[in-house]
Amino acid sequence: MEDKKGSLNAGSAAKAGISFGSALAMVISYTTWHSVGWAIIHGLLSWVYVIYFIIRY
């Protein structure tokens, strides 16, 4: 049996990227707009909002 503790496969890497993208989008949104509602919406959009923010600002 192979020990997979500490290894990162494609599924968990994608999940980690999505989680990081959501957190990053929510932080950017809240610091920019000071609104929890917008932060939640932008967190759902995740990397789309992060890329938009980088291009726009």
Protein backbone atom coordinates (compact mmCIF):
# COMPACT_ATOMS: atom_id res chain seq x y z
CA MET A 1 0.00 0.00 0.00
CA GLU A 2 1.24 3.42 -0.93
CA ASP A 3 1.06 6.24 1.61
CA LYS A 4 -0.59 9.27 0.00
CA LYS A 5 -0.30 11.47 3.07
CA GLY A 6 1.14 14.81 2.02
CA SER A 7 0.87 14.15 -1.71
CA LEU A 8 -1.17 16.44 -3.91
CA ASN A 9 -3.10 14.84 -6.77
CA ALA A 10 -4.93 16.69 -9.55
CA GLY A 11 -8.29 16.63 -7.76
CA SER A 12 -7.02 18.09 -4.53
CA ALA A 13 -4.86 20.61 -6.38
CA ALA A 14 -7.90 21.87 -8.28
CA LYS A 15 -9.93 22.02 -5.07
CA ALA A 16 -7.15 23.98 -3.35
CA GLY A 17 -6.99 26.40 -6.28
CA ILE A 18 -10.73 26.95 -6.21
CA SER A 19 -10.68 27.52 -2.46
CA PHE A 20 -7.75 29.94 -2.69
CA GLY A 21 -9.41 31.78 -5.58
CA SER A 22 -12.64 32.18 -3.63
CA ALA A 23 -10.84 33.45 -0.54
CA LEU A 24 -8.73 35.85 -2.58
CA ALA A 25 -11.77 37.20 -4.45
CA MET A 26 -13.67 37.74 -1.20
CA VAL A 27 -10.78 39.60 0.43
CA ILE A 28 -10.22 41.82 -2.61
CA SER A 29 -13.93 42.52 -2.87
CA TYR A 30 -14.40 43.36 0.81
CA THR A 31 -11.37 45.66 0.95
CA THR A 32 -12.51 47.43 -2.23
CA TRP A 33 -16.27 47.72 -1.66
CA HIS A 34 -16.64 47.20 2.15
CA SER A 35 -19.68 44.99 1.57
CA VAL A 36 -20.19 41.42 2.76
CA GLY A 37 -22.87 40.85 0.11
CA TRP A 38 -20.53 41.75 -2.75
CA ALA A 39 -17.77 39.69 -1.15
CA ILE A 40 -20.01 36.61 -1.19
CA ILE A 41 -21.02 37.17 -4.81
CA HIS A 42 -17.42 37.73 -5.87
CA GLY A 43 -16.35 34.68 -3.86
CA LEU A 44 -18.78 32.60 -5.89
CA LEU A 45 -17.28 34.00 -9.10
CA SER A 46 -13.83 33.17 -7.70
CA TRP A 47 -11.01 33.49 -10.23
CA VAL A 48 -13.21 35.37 -12.71
CA TYR A 49 -13.37 38.33 -10.32
CA VAL A 50 -9.67 38.09 -9.43
CA ILE A 51 -8.67 38.27 -13.11
CA TYR A 52 -11.17 41.10 -13.70
CA PHE A 53 -9.72 43.02 -10.75
CA ILE A 54 -6.15 42.60 -12.02
CA ILE A 55 -7.11 43.83 -15.51
CA ARG A 56 -9.32 46.69 -14.27
CA TYR A 57 -7.14 48.06 -11.47
